[in-house]
Each structure stands twice: as structure tokens, then as C-alpha cells.
Amino acid sequence: MKVVNNKLVATDSTEHIAYVGTDKRSGKVRAMEYIVIHYTASANYDADVRTLSTSSAQASCQLVLSPEGEITQIGDLNDALWHAGRSKWRNRNGLNKYSLGIEVTCPGPVEYIGSEGGVRTFKTWYGAKLYEDAAPKWNFVQAKHKNGGPEKWWAGFTSKQIEVLSELVPILVEHYNIKEVVGHDDIAPSRKIDPGPCCPDSLWSIFEGRIDVDDEEIVTTPPESHIKKTTAQVYGITDDSNLNVRDDIKGRIIGSIPEGTLVTILKNKSGWVYMETPNGHRGWVFGKYLVAV
């Protein structure tokens, strides 16, 4: 993916991006400083897109992400859309004018109602049943919200949503020189709980551009003798697939490496890591799939 004229554009056939317009906007953003992550409190992607683009509801956002990883862009990415509401972060009030909103189709908090045929079953706030083994496969977690309250069950983002967000957000951060990625529950903690535990810690780490190594220790184009080597292991690949290796950030796939491979980190940027395999091959990979060892 890449951004062209405030439009998110697919760069290969695996990326699915649709576009719709909206009248639910307030001009253009004054300064694109933040990305705000939300969940929709729904499991219906098509309905979410309609609600956020054409309904009478006073809500809209730039991007909507389906459980299967499909994206719909609403309006232009620099439109001031209505996703933040009454909000405050750092020195800004009213984040609609200073941010881009990503709504992730996800039910949010759910109630565990027992087991049906040996399968854990949950109920959404609107009464629909969710089965642990049914598609889409939500990553159900039991946790307390960071802002307080009792422990409860949450329908966590799907593996595909996590994968797409880990690629999408760094692209937006780099293109717009975003200062910070925050949750709706950060900028409006007294009235909002999204995305809460639905968005895993591993994603926040990618959003912040962190891999377990200090930037000061990384040399971008050093002679071999000056590389400060940091070892990491490939971990967390889904669906028994290998980790793609690319020739550049968001570049062409040039190979893949299996889970458990030990690699040497040479540099990182915007959530991507330039690494070397034990047999001397180098390339860029998603930092979310590496853990320091």
C-alpha cells in the first residue's frame, strides 16, 4: 500500500481497498498529527461502512477495516471526519481536526455464556452469538481495561486485522509524519473504552515503531566491523506460513523465513526491521514478528 494524493492505493493483488464518499465532514484537517484507533462495536463490516459514510449518525472516519483485512476509505485521508468527538490529547482539543481515524470492525466487549458442543460461546452487547471456532475468528481475551473497571471478555482483533494494521499504520505514520498513534480511550477516557484490550500490545509496539533495540545502537550503512549486532527470533507467524522478506520497506518479496529462525537486526524504521539470516541473506521484515533473545 501507499498514499497518493490523500488516497490509500493498493500496490499488489492481495490488498483490497474500496472507496466511498461522505458529506459527514468538517473541511480539512488543520494538522495531521495523530492516528486514532477505534473498534466499531459491531461484527458487520458492510453495515459499519454505511453507518460511517451515509447514515444519519454523527460519526464518520477515514478508514474502516474488515475482519478479513479489507479496507474501505471514506472521503479523502485529510478530510476532517467525525470519529474523535469530544476529545483532548497533549495540547490539542477536538482531535477531528488533527487526526486520521481507523475504525476496526470488531464487537468489543462480549459476555461468555458457556460452551456449545465443546466450543466456547460469547454474546455481544446486541445479543448476537459468537463462536470461538467460527469465521471470522476473533482473538477472545479476558482482561481489565487500562482505564479501570472489572475484568471482562473482549473480542480481540482478528489475525488478519492485526496483520493489515501492522503494515498500514507505519505507512500512514511515515507519509504524514504522524506524531503518535492513540486509542479513542486515550483521547476521551471518560466516555470511550475502544479499542481497549481488543487491540493487542504487540500492535501498539509496532505503532510506536519499537523493536527491542535502541535506535542509538543501530548503524544504517556501516562497515561490517562497526555493526552492533542484536539477535532476534522470528515469532508469532499465523496460519503456519513463513515471514516474508522484502527488498525494501513495503517492497518486493524476495524470500521468506520460518518461525524460530534467529536473525541479526541491523537497523529499523517505522516498525520495519532490516535483518540478516544465519546464511547471510538480508532484507526487510515486519518488526512485529521478531522478539529479542
Protein backbone atom coordinates (compact mmCIF):
# COMPACT_ATOMS: atom_id res chain seq x y z
CA MET A 1 0.00 0.00 0.00
CA LYS A 2 0.95 3.62 -0.47
CA VAL A 3 -0.66 7.06 -0.18
CA VAL A 4 -1.18 9.11 -3.35
CA ASN A 5 -2.97 12.48 -3.20
CA ASN A 6 -4.58 11.61 0.15
CA LYS A 7 -5.83 8.29 -1.19
CA LEU A 8 -4.71 4.87 0.01
CA VAL A 9 -3.68 2.84 -3.02
CA ALA A 10 -3.11 -0.92 -3.28
CA THR A 11 0.27 -1.95 -4.64
CA ASP A 12 -0.35 -5.68 -5.08
CA SER A 13 -3.26 -8.03 -5.71
CA THR A 14 -3.54 -9.16 -2.08
CA GLU A 15 -4.64 -5.72 -0.91
CA HIS A 16 -8.37 -4.92 -1.10
CA ILE A 17 -9.29 -1.23 -0.86
CA ALA A 18 -12.68 0.29 -1.67
CA TYR A 19 -13.67 3.95 -1.74
CA VAL A 20 -16.87 5.78 -0.79
CA GLY A 21 -17.68 9.44 -0.34
CA THR A 22 -19.38 11.20 2.56
CA ASP A 23 -20.94 14.52 3.47
CA LYS A 24 -20.15 13.91 7.13
CA ARG A 25 -17.04 16.06 7.35
CA SER A 26 -15.89 19.46 8.60
CA GLY A 27 -13.46 20.69 5.99
CA LYS A 28 -9.86 19.50 6.06
CA VAL A 29 -7.61 18.60 8.96
CA ARG A 30 -5.57 21.53 10.25
CA ALA A 31 -2.55 19.38 11.02
CA MET A 32 -2.25 15.60 10.60
CA GLU A 33 -0.60 14.82 13.94
CA TYR A 34 -2.28 11.67 15.23
CA ILE A 35 -3.89 8.40 14.20
CA VAL A 36 -6.80 7.28 16.38
CA ILE A 37 -7.68 3.57 16.58
CA HIS A 38 -11.30 2.57 17.24
CA TYR A 39 -13.49 -0.51 17.19
CA THR A 40 -17.00 -0.27 15.77
CA ALA A 41 -18.76 -2.41 18.44
CA SER A 42 -20.15 -4.44 15.53
CA ALA A 43 -19.26 -7.56 13.56
CA ASN A 44 -20.88 -6.32 10.32
CA TYR A 45 -18.32 -4.60 8.09
CA ASP A 46 -20.77 -3.53 5.35
CA ALA A 47 -23.12 -2.02 7.91
CA ASP A 48 -20.20 -0.23 9.56
CA VAL A 49 -19.19 1.35 6.24
CA ARG A 50 -22.77 2.51 5.62
CA THR A 51 -23.10 3.90 9.14
CA LEU A 52 -19.83 5.79 8.93
CA SER A 53 -20.35 7.18 5.44
CA THR A 54 -24.05 7.71 4.67
CA SER A 55 -26.27 7.24 7.74
CA SER A 56 -27.73 10.00 9.90
CA ALA A 57 -25.38 9.00 12.73
CA GLN A 58 -22.99 11.82 13.61
CA ALA A 59 -19.95 9.64 13.03
CA SER A 60 -17.50 9.10 10.20
CA CYS A 61 -13.87 8.13 9.76
CA GLN A 62 -11.23 7.85 7.07
CA LEU A 63 -10.66 4.07 7.07
CA VAL A 64 -12.73 1.01 8.00
CA LEU A 65 -11.08 -2.41 8.34
CA SER A 66 -12.99 -5.67 7.91
CA PRO A 67 -12.34 -8.89 9.89
CA GLU A 68 -10.86 -10.36 6.69
CA GLY A 69 -8.48 -7.43 6.20
CA GLU A 70 -10.40 -5.48 3.57
CA ILE A 71 -10.24 -1.69 3.75
CA THR A 72 -12.77 0.98 2.81
CA GLN A 73 -11.60 4.57 2.60
CA ILE A 74 -14.24 7.19 3.28
CA GLY A 75 -13.62 10.56 1.64
CA ASP A 76 -10.03 11.82 1.48
CA LEU A 77 -7.50 10.91 4.13
CA ASN A 78 -7.08 14.59 5.01
CA ASP A 79 -10.81 15.25 5.44
CA ALA A 80 -11.75 16.26 8.99
CA LEU A 81 -14.18 13.42 9.73
CA TRP A 82 -16.22 12.79 12.87
CA HIS A 83 -14.52 9.94 14.71
CA ALA A 84 -12.99 11.59 17.78
CA GLY A 85 -15.86 13.68 19.13
CA ARG A 86 -15.20 15.49 22.41
CA SER A 87 -11.56 14.70 22.88
CA LYS A 88 -8.24 16.00 24.15
CA TRP A 89 -4.65 14.84 23.72
CA ARG A 90 -1.42 16.63 24.54
CA ASN A 91 -2.10 20.29 23.71
CA ARG A 92 -4.98 19.60 21.30
CA ASN A 93 -8.74 19.76 21.89
CA GLY A 94 -11.13 18.24 19.37
CA LEU A 95 -8.95 15.65 17.63
CA ASN A 96 -11.10 15.50 14.48
CA LYS A 97 -9.09 18.45 13.15
CA TYR A 98 -5.74 16.90 14.00
CA SER A 99 -6.06 13.19 13.28
CA LEU A 100 -6.97 10.34 11.00
CA GLY A 101 -9.40 7.71 12.31
CA ILE A 102 -9.27 3.96 11.70
CA GLU A 103 -12.42 2.06 12.64
CA VAL A 104 -11.84 -1.69 13.04
CA THR A 105 -14.97 -3.80 12.60
CA CYS A 106 -14.97 -5.62 15.95
CA PRO A 107 -17.69 -6.34 18.55
CA GLY A 108 -15.63 -5.12 21.52
CA PRO A 109 -16.71 -6.39 24.95
CA VAL A 110 -18.59 -9.70 24.96
CA GLU A 111 -20.21 -11.96 27.55
CA TYR A 112 -19.03 -15.54 27.94
CA ILE A 113 -22.18 -17.69 28.01
CA GLY A 114 -20.65 -21.15 28.15
CA SER A 115 -19.79 -23.98 25.82
CA GLU A 116 -21.93 -25.33 22.99
CA GLY A 117 -20.74 -28.63 21.60
CA GLY A 118 -17.36 -28.13 23.22
CA VAL A 119 -16.95 -24.67 21.65
CA ARG A 120 -16.73 -21.54 23.80
CA THR A 121 -19.62 -19.23 23.02
CA PHE A 122 -19.94 -15.50 23.61
CA LYS A 123 -22.72 -12.95 23.29
CA THR A 124 -22.34 -9.38 22.02
CA TRP A 125 -23.98 -6.35 23.61
CA TYR A 126 -26.64 -6.50 20.87
CA GLY A 127 -27.43 -10.17 21.51
CA ALA A 128 -25.63 -11.95 18.67
CA LYS A 129 -23.75 -15.15 19.46
CA LEU A 130 -20.09 -15.55 18.54
CA TYR A 131 -18.48 -19.00 18.40
CA GLU A 132 -14.76 -19.38 19.00
CA ASP A 133 -14.25 -21.76 16.07
CA ALA A 134 -16.39 -19.83 13.57
CA ALA A 135 -15.23 -17.30 10.97
CA PRO A 136 -14.25 -14.62 11.48
CA LYS A 137 -12.04 -15.90 14.28
CA TRP A 138 -11.87 -13.20 16.91
CA ASN A 139 -8.94 -13.43 19.33
CA PHE A 140 -11.04 -13.61 22.51
CA VAL A 141 -9.20 -12.27 25.56
CA GLN A 142 -10.15 -11.82 29.20
CA ALA A 143 -8.71 -8.61 30.62
CA LYS A 144 -9.27 -5.41 32.54
CA HIS A 145 -9.35 -2.14 30.66
CA LYS A 146 -6.31 0.04 31.27
CA ASN A 147 -8.60 2.88 32.40
CA GLY A 148 -10.21 0.74 35.09
CA GLY A 149 -13.28 -1.41 35.58
CA PRO A 150 -13.81 -5.14 36.13
CA GLU A 151 -12.17 -7.92 34.18
CA LYS A 152 -14.30 -8.94 31.21
CA TRP A 153 -14.13 -10.77 27.90
CA TRP A 154 -13.28 -8.94 24.68
CA ALA A 155 -13.44 -9.99 21.04
CA GLY A 156 -9.91 -9.09 20.07
CA PHE A 157 -8.94 -8.03 16.55
CA THR A 158 -8.62 -10.92 14.10
CA SER A 159 -5.19 -12.08 12.96
CA LYS A 160 -5.81 -10.55 9.53
CA GLN A 161 -6.75 -7.19 11.05
CA ILE A 162 -3.56 -7.26 13.11
CA GLU A 163 -1.52 -8.09 10.02
CA VAL A 164 -3.04 -5.28 7.94
CA LEU A 165 -2.77 -2.69 10.70
CA SER A 166 0.87 -3.58 11.30
CA GLU A 167 1.57 -2.68 7.67
CA LEU A 168 -0.93 0.15 7.18
CA VAL A 169 -0.21 2.30 10.21
CA PRO A 170 3.56 2.65 9.63
CA ILE A 171 2.81 3.69 6.03
CA LEU A 172 0.48 6.45 7.24
CA VAL A 173 2.89 7.48 10.00
CA GLU A 174 5.71 7.89 7.52
CA HIS A 175 3.66 9.63 4.83
CA TYR A 176 2.02 12.19 7.11
CA ASN A 177 4.85 12.45 9.65
CA ILE A 178 2.40 11.39 12.38
CA LYS A 179 3.47 12.25 15.93
CA GLU A 180 1.64 9.46 17.75
CA VAL A 181 -0.87 6.63 17.42
CA VAL A 182 -3.53 6.61 20.16
CA GLY A 183 -6.78 4.89 21.07
CA HIS A 184 -10.18 6.51 21.37
CA ASP A 185 -9.94 5.57 25.04
CA ASP A 186 -6.79 7.72 25.32
CA ILE A 187 -8.30 10.91 23.92
CA ALA A 188 -11.77 10.52 25.51
CA PRO A 189 -11.21 8.28 28.57
CA SER A 190 -14.29 9.43 30.47
CA ARG A 191 -16.70 8.24 27.79
CA LYS A 192 -14.96 5.74 25.48
CA ILE A 193 -13.38 2.30 26.01
CA ASP A 194 -12.35 1.48 22.44
CA PRO A 195 -10.19 -0.13 21.34
CA GLY A 196 -9.26 -1.34 24.83
CA PRO A 197 -7.86 -4.89 25.07
CA CYS A 198 -9.23 -5.64 21.58
CA CYS A 199 -6.06 -4.07 20.20
CA PRO A 200 -3.15 -6.26 21.38
CA ASP A 201 0.03 -4.91 22.96
CA SER A 202 2.04 -6.26 20.03
CA LEU A 203 0.29 -3.79 17.73
CA TRP A 204 0.92 -0.82 20.00
CA SER A 205 4.59 -1.74 19.92
CA ILE A 206 4.57 -1.64 16.13
CA PHE A 207 2.62 1.62 16.12
CA GLU A 208 5.28 3.19 18.30
CA GLY A 209 7.98 1.94 15.96
CA ARG A 210 9.62 -0.13 18.68
CA ILE A 211 11.69 -3.25 18.38
CA ASP A 212 13.66 -4.33 21.41
CA VAL A 213 16.78 -2.39 20.49
CA ASP A 214 17.69 1.28 20.92
CA ASP A 215 17.87 3.45 17.80
CA GLU A 216 21.20 4.81 19.03
CA GLU A 217 22.72 1.35 18.69
CA ILE A 218 21.76 0.98 15.03
CA VAL A 219 24.09 1.96 12.20
CA THR A 220 22.26 2.34 8.90
CA THR A 221 25.08 1.78 6.39
CA PRO A 222 28.11 0.72 8.44
CA PRO A 223 31.25 -1.15 7.57
CA GLU A 224 30.84 -4.75 8.77
CA SER A 225 33.19 -4.25 11.72
CA HIS A 226 31.00 -1.45 13.09
CA ILE A 227 27.66 -3.27 13.13
CA LYS A 228 26.36 -3.63 16.69
CA LYS A 229 24.61 -6.94 16.35
CA THR A 230 21.30 -7.57 18.11
CA THR A 231 19.83 -11.05 17.87
CA ALA A 232 16.11 -11.68 17.50
CA GLN A 233 13.91 -14.67 16.73
CA VAL A 234 11.01 -14.93 14.30
CA TYR A 235 7.88 -15.47 16.37
CA GLY A 236 4.09 -15.22 16.05
CA ILE A 237 3.55 -16.15 12.40
CA THR A 238 -0.09 -17.11 11.77
CA ASP A 239 -1.53 -19.90 9.62
CA ASP A 240 1.75 -21.88 9.59
CA SER A 241 3.19 -19.53 6.95
CA ASN A 242 6.71 -18.10 6.78
CA LEU A 243 7.74 -14.50 7.35
CA ASN A 244 8.10 -12.59 4.07
CA VAL A 245 11.43 -10.86 3.44
CA ARG A 246 11.34 -7.76 1.22
CA ASP A 247 13.95 -5.78 -0.70
CA ASP A 248 12.84 -2.53 0.94
CA ILE A 249 10.22 -1.20 3.36
CA LYS A 250 6.88 -2.21 1.79
CA GLY A 251 8.98 -3.50 -1.13
CA ARG A 252 9.07 -6.59 -3.31
CA ILE A 253 9.07 -10.01 -1.62
CA ILE A 254 12.47 -11.66 -2.16
CA GLY A 255 12.15 -14.67 0.13
CA SER A 256 10.76 -15.96 3.41
CA ILE A 257 12.00 -17.42 6.70
CA PRO A 258 10.24 -19.84 9.07
CA GLU A 259 9.21 -19.26 12.67
CA GLY A 260 12.05 -19.84 15.12
CA THR A 261 14.77 -18.51 12.83
CA LEU A 262 17.42 -16.48 14.63
CA VAL A 263 18.32 -13.29 12.76
CA THR A 264 20.62 -10.32 13.31
CA ILE A 265 18.97 -6.89 13.43
CA LEU A 266 20.95 -4.25 11.55
CA LYS A 267 18.51 -1.32 11.57
CA ASN A 268 14.80 -0.49 11.92
CA LYS A 269 12.39 2.15 10.70
CA SER A 270 8.67 2.75 11.24
CA GLY A 271 8.05 -0.77 12.53
CA TRP A 272 10.14 -2.49 9.85
CA VAL A 273 13.43 -4.25 10.57
CA TYR A 274 16.42 -4.79 8.27
CA MET A 275 17.95 -8.12 9.27
CA GLU A 276 20.43 -10.78 8.26
CA THR A 277 19.73 -14.52 8.36
CA PRO A 278 22.29 -17.10 9.56
CA ASN A 279 23.18 -17.91 5.95
CA GLY A 280 23.92 -14.27 5.13
CA HIS A 281 20.74 -13.19 3.33
CA ARG A 282 19.48 -9.69 4.16
CA GLY A 283 16.15 -7.96 3.80
CA TRP A 284 13.29 -6.08 5.47
CA VAL A 285 10.62 -7.80 7.64
CA PHE A 286 7.75 -6.71 9.90
CA GLY A 287 9.15 -5.94 13.36
CA LYS A 288 6.01 -7.36 14.99
CA TYR A 289 7.23 -10.87 14.14
CA LEU A 290 10.58 -10.53 15.91
CA VAL A 291 11.36 -10.88 19.60
CA ALA A 292 14.75 -10.12 21.13
CA VAL A 293 16.66 -13.12 22.51
